[in-house]
Amino acid sequence: MSSLSDASAYGSATDSERTPLVAPNPAEKKVTRASLKIRWLVLTLSSLMLVGNYYCYDNPSALKTQLHEYFKGTSTGGDEWETNFALMYSVYSFPNTVLPFFGGFLVDY
């Protein structure tokens, strides 16, 4: 009877058993310097796009007093003005809470 430390009890591993189950694809492209430059370009453009998005989102906040002066002659005034101004931000930001789910689905698809 053989002991547990005996290699024959577990079987011997041959070279064919040590090879990976999935062979590397010879047609797979290697990472080159040119592809790294494109990645940096995409990263930079994506970052600039986000900065522009945040700038556009916060722009009404900077124009709050000018908008209040412009709409002063209308029936909206006082607390109603603050409510409508906050509602404008809510209506603008609501799609931004829902659309990332669709974007994530499209990226995974």
PDB file of N, CA and C in Angstrom:
ATOM      1  N   MET A   1       0.839  -1.163   0.000  1.00  0.00           N
ATOM      2  CA  MET A   1       0.000   0.000   0.000  1.00  0.00           C
ATOM      3  C   MET A   1       0.888   1.231   0.000  1.00  0.00           C
ATOM      4  N   SER A   2       0.566   2.208  -0.809  1.00  0.00           N
ATOM      5  CA  SER A   2       1.419   3.388  -0.925  1.00  0.00           C
ATOM      6  C   SER A   2       0.940   4.478   0.016  1.00  0.00           C
ATOM      7  N   SER A   3       1.845   5.343   0.389  1.00  0.00           N
ATOM      8  CA  SER A   3       1.499   6.447   1.276  1.00  0.00           C
ATOM      9  C   SER A   3       0.937   7.612   0.470  1.00  0.00           C
ATOM     10  N   LEU A   4       0.369   8.575   1.171  1.00  0.00           N
ATOM     11  CA  LEU A   4      -0.206   9.744   0.500  1.00  0.00           C
ATOM     12  C   LEU A   4       0.850  10.616  -0.157  1.00  0.00           C
ATOM     13  N   SER A   5       2.053  10.575   0.353  1.00  0.00           N
ATOM     14  CA  SER A   5       3.103  11.389  -0.233  1.00  0.00           C
ATOM     15  C   SER A   5       3.660  10.775  -1.510  1.00  0.00           C
ATOM     16  N   ASP A   6       3.273   9.570  -1.797  1.00  0.00           N
ATOM     17  CA  ASP A   6       3.750   8.900  -2.999  1.00  0.00           C
ATOM     18  C   ASP A   6       3.128   9.549  -4.231  1.00  0.00           C
ATOM     19  N   ALA A   7       3.939   9.886  -5.214  1.00  0.00           N
ATOM     20  CA  ALA A   7       3.466  10.548  -6.427  1.00  0.00           C
ATOM     21  C   ALA A   7       2.550   9.657  -7.232  1.00  0.00           C
ATOM     22  N   SER A   8       2.736   8.345  -7.134  1.00  0.00           N
ATOM     23  CA  SER A   8       1.904   7.440  -7.916  1.00  0.00           C
ATOM     24  C   SER A   8       0.477   7.407  -7.393  1.00  0.00           C
ATOM     25  N   ALA A   9       0.260   7.787  -6.135  1.00  0.00           N
ATOM     26  CA  ALA A   9      -1.092   7.794  -5.583  1.00  0.00           C
ATOM     27  C   ALA A   9      -1.939   8.878  -6.240  1.00  0.00           C
ATOM     28  N   TYR A  10      -1.320   9.975  -6.611  1.00  0.00           N
ATOM     29  CA  TYR A  10      -2.036  11.078  -7.253  1.00  0.00           C
ATOM     30  C   TYR A  10      -1.925  11.044  -8.763  1.00  0.00           C
ATOM     31  N   GLY A  11      -1.088  10.226  -9.263  1.00  0.00           N
ATOM     32  CA  GLY A  11      -0.844  10.198 -10.697  1.00  0.00           C
ATOM     33  C   GLY A  11       0.280  11.148 -11.018  1.00  0.00           C
ATOM     34  N   SER A  12       0.955  10.905 -12.085  1.00  0.00           N
ATOM     35  CA  SER A  12       2.064  11.768 -12.455  1.00  0.00           C
ATOM     36  C   SER A  12       1.601  12.755 -13.516  1.00  0.00           C
ATOM     37  N   ALA A  13       2.050  13.973 -13.403  1.00  0.00           N
ATOM     38  CA  ALA A  13       1.689  15.012 -14.373  1.00  0.00           C
ATOM     39  C   ALA A  13       2.660  14.950 -15.532  1.00  0.00           C
ATOM     40  N   THR A  14       2.123  14.801 -16.701  1.00  0.00           N
ATOM     41  CA  THR A  14       2.969  14.792 -17.884  1.00  0.00           C
ATOM     42  C   THR A  14       3.017  16.188 -18.478  1.00  0.00           C
ATOM     43  N   ASP A  15       3.844  16.382 -19.473  1.00  0.00           N
ATOM     44  CA  ASP A  15       3.964  17.682 -20.115  1.00  0.00           C
ATOM     45  C   ASP A  15       2.651  18.117 -20.760  1.00  0.00           C
ATOM     46  N   SER A  16       1.883  17.176 -21.289  1.00  0.00           N
ATOM     47  CA  SER A  16       0.617  17.537 -21.932  1.00  0.00           C
ATOM     48  C   SER A  16      -0.400  18.030 -20.916  1.00  0.00           C
ATOM     49  N   GLU A  17      -0.295  17.580 -19.660  1.00  0.00           N
ATOM     50  CA  GLU A  17      -1.222  18.036 -18.621  1.00  0.00           C
ATOM     51  C   GLU A  17      -0.842  19.411 -18.097  1.00  0.00           C
ATOM     52  N   ARG A  18       0.392  19.817 -18.273  1.00  0.00           N
ATOM     53  CA  ARG A  18       0.844  21.105 -17.766  1.00  0.00           C
ATOM     54  C   ARG A  18       0.600  22.245 -18.750  1.00  0.00           C
ATOM     55  N   THR A  19       0.256  21.920 -19.969  1.00  0.00           N
ATOM     56  CA  THR A  19       0.016  22.975 -20.952  1.00  0.00           C
ATOM     57  C   THR A  19      -1.289  23.672 -20.642  1.00  0.00           C
ATOM     58  N   PRO A  20      -1.400  24.946 -20.965  1.00  0.00           N
ATOM     59  CA  PRO A  20      -2.650  25.665 -20.682  1.00  0.00           C
ATOM     60  C   PRO A  20      -3.804  25.084 -21.486  1.00  0.00           C
ATOM     61  N   LEU A  21      -4.993  25.183 -20.918  1.00  0.00           N
ATOM     62  CA  LEU A  21      -6.173  24.666 -21.595  1.00  0.00           C
ATOM     63  C   LEU A  21      -6.499  25.446 -22.854  1.00  0.00           C
ATOM     64  N   VAL A  22      -6.220  26.738 -22.828  1.00  0.00           N
ATOM     65  CA  VAL A  22      -6.484  27.584 -23.984  1.00  0.00           C
ATOM     66  C   VAL A  22      -5.142  28.016 -24.555  1.00  0.00           C
ATOM     67  N   ALA A  23      -4.898  27.662 -25.770  1.00  0.00           N
ATOM     68  CA  ALA A  23      -3.644  28.031 -26.413  1.00  0.00           C
ATOM     69  C   ALA A  23      -3.670  29.504 -26.791  1.00  0.00           C
ATOM     70  N   PRO A  24      -2.552  30.212 -26.698  1.00  0.00           N
ATOM     71  CA  PRO A  24      -2.530  31.625 -27.085  1.00  0.00           C
ATOM     72  C   PRO A  24      -2.859  31.777 -28.565  1.00  0.00           C
ATOM     73  N   ASN A  25      -3.568  32.813 -28.863  1.00  0.00           N
ATOM     74  CA  ASN A  25      -3.991  33.080 -30.235  1.00  0.00           C
ATOM     75  C   ASN A  25      -2.843  33.760 -30.980  1.00  0.00           C
ATOM     76  N   PRO A  26      -2.324  33.157 -32.028  1.00  0.00           N
ATOM     77  CA  PRO A  26      -1.203  33.792 -32.742  1.00  0.00           C
ATOM     78  C   PRO A  26      -1.636  35.051 -33.489  1.00  0.00           C
ATOM     79  N   ALA A  27      -2.923  35.179 -33.787  1.00  0.00           N
ATOM     80  CA  ALA A  27      -3.394  36.358 -34.509  1.00  0.00           C
ATOM     81  C   ALA A  27      -3.662  37.530 -33.566  1.00  0.00           C
ATOM     82  N   GLU A  28      -3.548  37.292 -32.262  1.00  0.00           N
ATOM     83  CA  GLU A  28      -3.807  38.349 -31.289  1.00  0.00           C
ATOM     84  C   GLU A  28      -2.739  39.431 -31.407  1.00  0.00           C
ATOM     85  N   LYS A  29      -3.189  40.687 -31.418  1.00  0.00           N
ATOM     86  CA  LYS A  29      -2.258  41.801 -31.605  1.00  0.00           C
ATOM     87  C   LYS A  29      -1.499  42.087 -30.320  1.00  0.00           C
ATOM     88  N   LYS A  30      -0.278  42.442 -30.481  1.00  0.00           N
ATOM     89  CA  LYS A  30       0.550  42.857 -29.357  1.00  0.00           C
ATOM     90  C   LYS A  30       0.330  44.342 -29.101  1.00  0.00           C
ATOM     91  N   VAL A  31       0.520  44.764 -27.856  1.00  0.00           N
ATOM     92  CA  VAL A  31       0.395  46.177 -27.516  1.00  0.00           C
ATOM     93  C   VAL A  31       1.619  46.901 -28.048  1.00  0.00           C
ATOM     94  N   THR A  32       1.366  47.914 -28.846  1.00  0.00           N
ATOM     95  CA  THR A  32       2.471  48.678 -29.423  1.00  0.00           C
ATOM     96  C   THR A  32       2.432  50.097 -28.900  1.00  0.00           C
ATOM     97  N   ARG A  33       3.471  50.838 -29.185  1.00  0.00           N
ATOM     98  CA  ARG A  33       3.518  52.238 -28.763  1.00  0.00           C
ATOM     99  C   ARG A  33       2.411  53.046 -29.431  1.00  0.00           C
ATOM    100  N   ALA A  34       2.085  52.724 -30.674  1.00  0.00           N
ATOM    101  CA  ALA A  34       1.036  53.466 -31.382  1.00  0.00           C
ATOM    102  C   ALA A  34      -0.303  53.284 -30.686  1.00  0.00           C
ATOM    103  N   SER A  35      -0.611  52.073 -30.232  1.00  0.00           N
ATOM    104  CA  SER A  35      -1.888  51.862 -29.550  1.00  0.00           C
ATOM    105  C   SER A  35      -1.901  52.554 -28.196  1.00  0.00           C
ATOM    106  N   LEU A  36      -0.736  52.673 -27.542  1.00  0.00           N
ATOM    107  CA  LEU A  36      -0.676  53.388 -26.275  1.00  0.00           C
ATOM    108  C   LEU A  36      -0.943  54.876 -26.474  1.00  0.00           C
ATOM    109  N   LYS A  37      -0.462  55.451 -27.582  1.00  0.00           N
ATOM    110  CA  LYS A  37      -0.724  56.868 -27.866  1.00  0.00           C
ATOM    111  C   LYS A  37      -2.215  57.098 -28.088  1.00  0.00           C
ATOM    112  N   ILE A  38      -2.860  56.179 -28.759  1.00  0.00           N
ATOM    113  CA  ILE A  38      -4.299  56.307 -28.995  1.00  0.00           C
ATOM    114  C   ILE A  38      -5.052  56.212 -27.672  1.00  0.00           C
ATOM    115  N   ARG A  39      -4.608  55.342 -26.788  1.00  0.00           N
ATOM    116  CA  ARG A  39      -5.258  55.226 -25.481  1.00  0.00           C
ATOM    117  C   ARG A  39      -5.143  56.519 -24.691  1.00  0.00           C
ATOM    118  N   TRP A  40      -3.969  57.146 -24.733  1.00  0.00           N
ATOM    119  CA  TRP A  40      -3.805  58.419 -24.030  1.00  0.00           C
ATOM    120  C   TRP A  40      -4.670  59.506 -24.658  1.00  0.00           C
ATOM    121  N   LEU A  41      -4.791  59.491 -25.967  1.00  0.00           N
ATOM    122  CA  LEU A  41      -5.644  60.463 -26.649  1.00  0.00           C
ATOM    123  C   LEU A  41      -7.100  60.279 -26.240  1.00  0.00           C
ATOM    124  N   VAL A  42      -7.563  59.046 -26.204  1.00  0.00           N
ATOM    125  CA  VAL A  42      -8.947  58.777 -25.804  1.00  0.00           C
ATOM    126  C   VAL A  42      -9.167  59.175 -24.342  1.00  0.00           C
ATOM    127  N   LEU A  43      -8.212  58.898 -23.486  1.00  0.00           N
ATOM    128  CA  LEU A  43      -8.320  59.290 -22.076  1.00  0.00           C
ATOM    129  C   LEU A  43      -8.397  60.806 -21.938  1.00  0.00           C
ATOM    130  N   THR A  44      -7.568  61.527 -22.666  1.00  0.00           N
ATOM    131  CA  THR A  44      -7.562  62.993 -22.604  1.00  0.00           C
ATOM    132  C   THR A  44      -8.869  63.566 -23.119  1.00  0.00           C
ATOM    133  N   LEU A  45      -9.349  63.070 -24.248  1.00  0.00           N
ATOM    134  CA  LEU A  45     -10.603  63.578 -24.804  1.00  0.00           C
ATOM    135  C   LEU A  45     -11.789  63.250 -23.905  1.00  0.00           C
ATOM    136  N   SER A  46     -11.783  62.085 -23.298  1.00  0.00           N
ATOM    137  CA  SER A  46     -12.862  61.729 -22.370  1.00  0.00           C
ATOM    138  C   SER A  46     -12.854  62.649 -21.156  1.00  0.00           C
ATOM    139  N   SER A  47     -11.668  62.959 -20.656  1.00  0.00           N
ATOM    140  CA  SER A  47     -11.564  63.859 -19.500  1.00  0.00           C
ATOM    141  C   SER A  47     -12.054  65.255 -19.857  1.00  0.00           C
ATOM    142  N   LEU A  48     -11.672  65.748 -21.032  1.00  0.00           N
ATOM    143  CA  LEU A  48     -12.134  67.070 -21.452  1.00  0.00           C
ATOM    144  C   LEU A  48     -13.649  67.097 -21.650  1.00  0.00           C
ATOM    145  N   MET A  49     -14.198  65.995 -22.127  1.00  0.00           N
ATOM    146  CA  MET A  49     -15.643  65.924 -22.298  1.00  0.00           C
ATOM    147  C   MET A  49     -16.350  66.016 -20.943  1.00  0.00           C
ATOM    148  N   LEU A  50     -15.803  65.355 -19.922  1.00  0.00           N
ATOM    149  CA  LEU A  50     -16.410  65.421 -18.598  1.00  0.00           C
ATOM    150  C   LEU A  50     -16.294  66.822 -18.003  1.00  0.00           C
ATOM    151  N   VAL A  51     -15.171  67.478 -18.222  1.00  0.00           N
ATOM    152  CA  VAL A  51     -15.018  68.855 -17.725  1.00  0.00           C
ATOM    153  C   VAL A  51     -16.050  69.758 -18.381  1.00  0.00           C
ATOM    154  N   GLY A  52     -16.252  69.615 -19.686  1.00  0.00           N
ATOM    155  CA  GLY A  52     -17.269  70.404 -20.382  1.00  0.00           C
ATOM    156  C   GLY A  52     -18.662  70.101 -19.883  1.00  0.00           C
ATOM    157  N   ASN A  53     -18.937  68.853 -19.572  1.00  0.00           N
ATOM    158  CA  ASN A  53     -20.249  68.476 -19.046  1.00  0.00           C
ATOM    159  C   ASN A  53     -20.497  69.136 -17.695  1.00  0.00           C
ATOM    160  N   TYR A  54     -19.523  69.084 -16.801  1.00  0.00           N
ATOM    161  CA  TYR A  54     -19.690  69.706 -15.488  1.00  0.00           C
ATOM    162  C   TYR A  54     -19.805  71.225 -15.609  1.00  0.00           C
ATOM    163  N   TYR A  55     -19.079  71.813 -16.538  1.00  0.00           N
ATOM    164  CA  TYR A  55     -19.180  73.257 -16.743  1.00  0.00           C
ATOM    165  C   TYR A  55     -20.593  73.632 -17.199  1.00  0.00           C
ATOM    166  N   CYS A  56     -21.121  72.898 -18.150  1.00  0.00           N
ATOM    167  CA  CYS A  56     -22.477  73.187 -18.631  1.00  0.00           C
ATOM    168  C   CYS A  56     -23.518  72.935 -17.558  1.00  0.00           C
ATOM    169  N   TYR A  57     -23.310  71.918 -16.736  1.00  0.00           N
ATOM    170  CA  TYR A  57     -24.270  71.613 -15.678  1.00  0.00           C
ATOM    171  C   TYR A  57     -24.296  72.714 -14.626  1.00  0.00           C
ATOM    172  N   ASP A  58     -23.136  73.247 -14.265  1.00  0.00           N
ATOM    173  CA  ASP A  58     -23.064  74.262 -13.210  1.00  0.00           C
ATOM    174  C   ASP A  58     -23.205  75.684 -13.730  1.00  0.00           C
ATOM    175  N   ASN A  59     -23.317  75.880 -15.019  1.00  0.00           N
ATOM    176  CA  ASN A  59     -23.445  77.222 -15.573  1.00  0.00           C
ATOM    177  C   ASN A  59     -24.696  77.954 -15.084  1.00  0.00           C
ATOM    178  N   PRO A  60     -25.865  77.331 -14.993  1.00  0.00           N
ATOM    179  CA  PRO A  60     -27.033  78.067 -14.465  1.00  0.00           C
ATOM    180  C   PRO A  60     -26.838  78.564 -13.042  1.00  0.00           C
ATOM    181  N   SER A  61     -26.038  77.872 -12.269  1.00  0.00           N
ATOM    182  CA  SER A  61     -25.772  78.337 -10.911  1.00  0.00           C
ATOM    183  C   SER A  61     -25.051  79.681 -10.927  1.00  0.00           C
ATOM    184  N   ALA A  62     -24.126  79.858 -11.850  1.00  0.00           N
ATOM    185  CA  ALA A  62     -23.412  81.125 -11.964  1.00  0.00           C
ATOM    186  C   ALA A  62     -24.319  82.228 -12.509  1.00  0.00           C
ATOM    187  N   LEU A  63     -25.334  81.852 -13.257  1.00  0.00           N
ATOM    188  CA  LEU A  63     -26.251  82.833 -13.856  1.00  0.00           C
ATOM    189  C   LEU A  63     -27.528  83.030 -13.054  1.00  0.00           C
ATOM    190  N   LYS A  64     -27.570  82.540 -11.832  1.00  0.00           N
ATOM    191  CA  LYS A  64     -28.800  82.588 -11.038  1.00  0.00           C
ATOM    192  C   LYS A  64     -29.310  84.020 -10.842  1.00  0.00           C
ATOM    193  N   THR A  65     -28.435  84.937 -10.487  1.00  0.00           N
ATOM    194  CA  THR A  65     -28.899  86.308 -10.246  1.00  0.00           C
ATOM    195  C   THR A  65     -29.356  86.964 -11.546  1.00  0.00           C
ATOM    196  N   GLN A  66     -28.651  86.703 -12.654  1.00  0.00           N
ATOM    197  CA  GLN A  66     -29.057  87.283 -13.931  1.00  0.00           C
ATOM    198  C   GLN A  66     -30.401  86.695 -14.385  1.00  0.00           C
ATOM    199  N   LEU A  67     -30.592  85.400 -14.186  1.00  0.00           N
ATOM    200  CA  LEU A  67     -31.878  84.795 -14.531  1.00  0.00           C
ATOM    201  C   LEU A  67     -32.997  85.345 -13.654  1.00  0.00           C
ATOM    202  N   HIS A  68     -32.713  85.550 -12.377  1.00  0.00           N
ATOM    203  CA  HIS A  68     -33.717  86.102 -11.468  1.00  0.00           C
ATOM    204  C   HIS A  68     -34.107  87.521 -11.904  1.00  0.00           C
ATOM    205  N   GLU A  69     -33.127  88.323 -12.290  1.00  0.00           N
ATOM    206  CA  GLU A  69     -33.414  89.676 -12.783  1.00  0.00           C
ATOM    207  C   GLU A  69     -34.221  89.633 -14.082  1.00  0.00           C
ATOM    208  N   TYR A  70     -33.913  88.689 -14.948  1.00  0.00           N
ATOM    209  CA  TYR A  70     -34.606  88.588 -16.231  1.00  0.00           C
ATOM    210  C   TYR A  70     -36.069  88.196 -16.035  1.00  0.00           C
ATOM    211  N   PHE A  71     -36.319  87.281 -15.112  1.00  0.00           N
ATOM    212  CA  PHE A  71     -37.691  86.806 -14.885  1.00  0.00           C
ATOM    213  C   PHE A  71     -38.404  87.565 -13.774  1.00  0.00           C
ATOM    214  N   LYS A  72     -37.846  88.664 -13.307  1.00  0.00           N
ATOM    215  CA  LYS A  72     -38.441  89.426 -12.212  1.00  0.00           C
ATOM    216  C   LYS A  72     -39.818  89.977 -12.590  1.00  0.00           C
ATOM    217  N   GLY A  73     -40.000  90.372 -13.836  1.00  0.00           N
ATOM    218  CA  GLY A  73     -41.267  90.957 -14.261  1.00  0.00           C
ATOM    219  C   GLY A  73     -42.381  89.938 -14.415  1.00  0.00           C
ATOM    220  N   THR A  74     -42.046  88.648 -14.408  1.00  0.00           N
ATOM    221  CA  THR A  74     -43.081  87.623 -14.554  1.00  0.00           C
ATOM    222  C   THR A  74     -43.744  87.362 -13.208  1.00  0.00           C
ATOM    223  N   SER A  75     -44.732  86.517 -13.209  1.00  0.00           N
ATOM    224  CA  SER A  75     -45.457  86.222 -11.977  1.00  0.00           C
ATOM    225  C   SER A  75     -44.630  85.398 -10.997  1.00  0.00           C
ATOM    226  N   THR A  76     -43.511  84.849 -11.470  1.00  0.00           N
ATOM    227  CA  THR A  76     -42.656  84.042 -10.603  1.00  0.00           C
ATOM    228  C   THR A  76     -41.795  84.964  -9.762  1.00  0.00           C
ATOM    229  N   GLY A  77     -41.889  84.837  -8.471  1.00  0.00           N
ATOM    230  CA  GLY A  77     -41.077  85.666  -7.594  1.00  0.00           C
ATOM    231  C   GLY A  77     -40.941  85.024  -6.232  1.00  0.00           C
ATOM    232  N   GLY A  78     -39.913  85.423  -5.492  1.00  0.00           N
ATOM    233  CA  GLY A  78     -39.704  84.943  -4.126  1.00  0.00           C
ATOM    234  C   GLY A  78     -39.439  83.456  -4.049  1.00  0.00           C
ATOM    235  N   ASP A  79     -40.211  82.799  -3.188  1.00  0.00           N
ATOM    236  CA  ASP A  79     -40.030  81.365  -2.962  1.00  0.00           C
ATOM    237  C   ASP A  79     -40.368  80.539  -4.204  1.00  0.00           C
ATOM    238  N   GLU A  80     -41.310  81.032  -4.983  1.00  0.00           N
ATOM    239  CA  GLU A  80     -41.674  80.305  -6.196  1.00  0.00           C
ATOM    240  C   GLU A  80     -40.495  80.282  -7.177  1.00  0.00           C
ATOM    241  N   TRP A  81     -39.720  81.371  -7.209  1.00  0.00           N
ATOM    242  CA  TRP A  81     -38.543  81.421  -8.069  1.00  0.00           C
ATOM    243  C   TRP A  81     -37.520  80.364  -7.646  1.00  0.00           C
ATOM    244  N   GLU A  82     -37.273  80.251  -6.338  1.00  0.00           N
ATOM    245  CA  GLU A  82     -36.312  79.262  -5.842  1.00  0.00           C
ATOM    246  C   GLU A  82     -36.780  77.843  -6.161  1.00  0.00           C
ATOM    247  N   THR A  83     -38.085  77.622  -6.028  1.00  0.00           N
ATOM    248  CA  THR A  83     -38.631  76.298  -6.336  1.00  0.00           C
ATOM    249  C   THR A  83     -38.454  75.963  -7.816  1.00  0.00           C
ATOM    250  N   ASN A  84     -38.760  76.913  -8.671  1.00  0.00           N
ATOM    251  CA  ASN A  84     -38.622  76.669 -10.109  1.00  0.00           C
ATOM    252  C   ASN A  84     -37.156  76.507 -10.521  1.00  0.00           C
ATOM    253  N   PHE A  85     -36.269  77.260  -9.872  1.00  0.00           N
ATOM    254  CA  PHE A  85     -34.847  77.134 -10.181  1.00  0.00           C
ATOM    255  C   PHE A  85     -34.331  75.754  -9.762  1.00  0.00           C
ATOM    256  N   ALA A  86     -34.739  75.283  -8.583  1.00  0.00           N
ATOM    257  CA  ALA A  86     -34.351  73.944  -8.137  1.00  0.00           C
ATOM    258  C   ALA A  86     -34.986  72.872  -9.016  1.00  0.00           C
ATOM    259  N   LEU A  87     -36.214  73.117  -9.475  1.00  0.00           N
ATOM    260  CA  LEU A  87     -36.882  72.170 -10.367  1.00  0.00           C
ATOM    261  C   LEU A  87     -36.133  72.050 -11.696  1.00  0.00           C
ATOM    262  N   MET A  88     -35.583  73.183 -12.162  1.00  0.00           N
ATOM    263  CA  MET A  88     -34.812  73.147 -13.401  1.00  0.00           C
ATOM    264  C   MET A  88     -33.607  72.217 -13.260  1.00  0.00           C
ATOM    265  N   TYR A  89     -32.898  72.298 -12.141  1.00  0.00           N
ATOM    266  CA  TYR A  89     -31.778  71.394 -11.900  1.00  0.00           C
ATOM    267  C   TYR A  89     -32.246  69.946 -11.791  1.00  0.00           C
ATOM    268  N   SER A  90     -33.374  69.726 -11.142  1.00  0.00           N
ATOM    269  CA  SER A  90     -33.885  68.361 -10.989  1.00  0.00           C
ATOM    270  C   SER A  90     -34.248  67.748 -12.330  1.00  0.00           C
ATOM    271  N   VAL A  91     -34.931  68.522 -13.176  1.00  0.00           N
ATOM    272  CA  VAL A  91     -35.319  68.023 -14.488  1.00  0.00           C
ATOM    273  C   VAL A  91     -34.084  67.757 -15.343  1.00  0.00           C
ATOM    274  N   TYR A  92     -33.074  68.589 -15.190  1.00  0.00           N
ATOM    275  CA  TYR A  92     -31.839  68.408 -15.958  1.00  0.00           C
ATOM    276  C   TYR A  92     -31.070  67.176 -15.487  1.00  0.00           C
ATOM    277  N   SER A  93     -31.039  66.935 -14.173  1.00  0.00           N
ATOM    278  CA  SER A  93     -30.208  65.852 -13.653  1.00  0.00           C
ATOM    279  C   SER A  93     -30.915  64.505 -13.611  1.00  0.00           C
ATOM    280  N   PHE A  94     -32.227  64.451 -13.706  1.00  0.00           N
ATOM    281  CA  PHE A  94     -32.923  63.168 -13.647  1.00  0.00           C
ATOM    282  C   PHE A  94     -32.466  62.190 -14.735  1.00  0.00           C
ATOM    283  N   PRO A  95     -32.354  62.605 -15.999  1.00  0.00           N
ATOM    284  CA  PRO A  95     -31.855  61.648 -16.994  1.00  0.00           C
ATOM    285  C   PRO A  95     -30.442  61.155 -16.691  1.00  0.00           C
ATOM    286  N   ASN A  96     -29.637  61.977 -16.010  1.00  0.00           N
ATOM    287  CA  ASN A  96     -28.277  61.562 -15.679  1.00  0.00           C
ATOM    288  C   ASN A  96     -28.244  60.497 -14.587  1.00  0.00           C
ATOM    289  N   THR A  97     -29.358  60.277 -13.898  1.00  0.00           N
ATOM    290  CA  THR A  97     -29.408  59.197 -12.920  1.00  0.00           C
ATOM    291  C   THR A  97     -29.889  57.898 -13.538  1.00  0.00           C
ATOM    292  N   VAL A  98     -30.552  57.971 -14.674  1.00  0.00           N
ATOM    293  CA  VAL A  98     -31.122  56.785 -15.310  1.00  0.00           C
ATOM    294  C   VAL A  98     -30.262  56.308 -16.489  1.00  0.00           C
ATOM    295  N   LEU A  99     -29.771  57.228 -17.293  1.00  0.00           N
ATOM    296  CA  LEU A  99     -29.054  56.872 -18.517  1.00  0.00           C
ATOM    297  C   LEU A  99     -27.774  56.055 -18.307  1.00  0.00           C
ATOM    298  N   PRO A 100     -27.027  56.209 -17.199  1.00  0.00           N
ATOM    299  CA  PRO A 100     -25.845  55.350 -17.033  1.00  0.00           C
ATOM    300  C   PRO A 100     -26.165  53.854 -17.025  1.00  0.00           C
ATOM    301  N   PHE A 101     -27.363  53.475 -16.579  1.00  0.00           N
ATOM    302  CA  PHE A 101     -27.729  52.060 -16.628  1.00  0.00           C
ATOM    303  C   PHE A 101     -27.825  51.573 -18.068  1.00  0.00           C
ATOM    304  N   PHE A 102     -28.417  52.394 -18.933  1.00  0.00           N
ATOM    305  CA  PHE A 102     -28.500  52.028 -20.349  1.00  0.00           C
ATOM    306  C   PHE A 102     -27.121  52.044 -21.001  1.00  0.00           C
ATOM    307  N   GLY A 103     -26.303  53.025 -20.626  1.00  0.00           N
ATOM    308  CA  GLY A 103     -24.947  53.087 -21.164  1.00  0.00           C
ATOM    309  C   GLY A 103     -24.123  51.879 -20.733  1.00  0.00           C
ATOM    310  N   GLY A 104     -24.268  51.470 -19.486  1.00  0.00           N
ATOM    311  CA  GLY A 104     -23.568  50.278 -19.010  1.00  0.00           C
ATOM    312  C   GLY A 104     -24.021  49.029 -19.742  1.00  0.00           C
ATOM    313  N   PHE A 105     -25.316  48.945 -20.003  1.00  0.00           N
ATOM    314  CA  PHE A 105     -25.836  47.811 -20.770  1.00  0.00           C
ATOM    315  C   PHE A 105     -25.255  47.783 -22.167  1.00  0.00           C
ATOM    316  N   LEU A 106     -25.195  48.966 -22.808  1.00  0.00           N
ATOM    317  CA  LEU A 106     -24.652  49.024 -24.165  1.00  0.00           C
ATOM    318  C   LEU A 106     -23.164  48.690 -24.197  1.00  0.00           C
ATOM    319  N   VAL A 107     -22.422  49.102 -23.182  1.00  0.00           N
ATOM    320  CA  VAL A 107     -20.996  48.793 -23.148  1.00  0.00           C
ATOM    321  C   VAL A 107     -20.792  47.293 -22.985  1.00  0.00           C
ATOM    322  N   ASP A 108     -21.612  46.660 -22.147  1.00  0.00           N
ATOM    323  CA  ASP A 108     -21.486  45.219 -21.932  1.00  0.00           C
ATOM    324  C   ASP A 108     -22.004  44.416 -23.118  1.00  0.00           C
ATOM    325  N   TYR A 109     -22.885  44.991 -23.897  1.00  0.00           N
ATOM    326  CA  TYR A 109     -23.473  44.283 -25.035  1.00  0.00           C
ATOM    327  C   TYR A 109     -22.471  44.230 -26.114  1.00  0.00           C
TER     328      TYR A 109
END
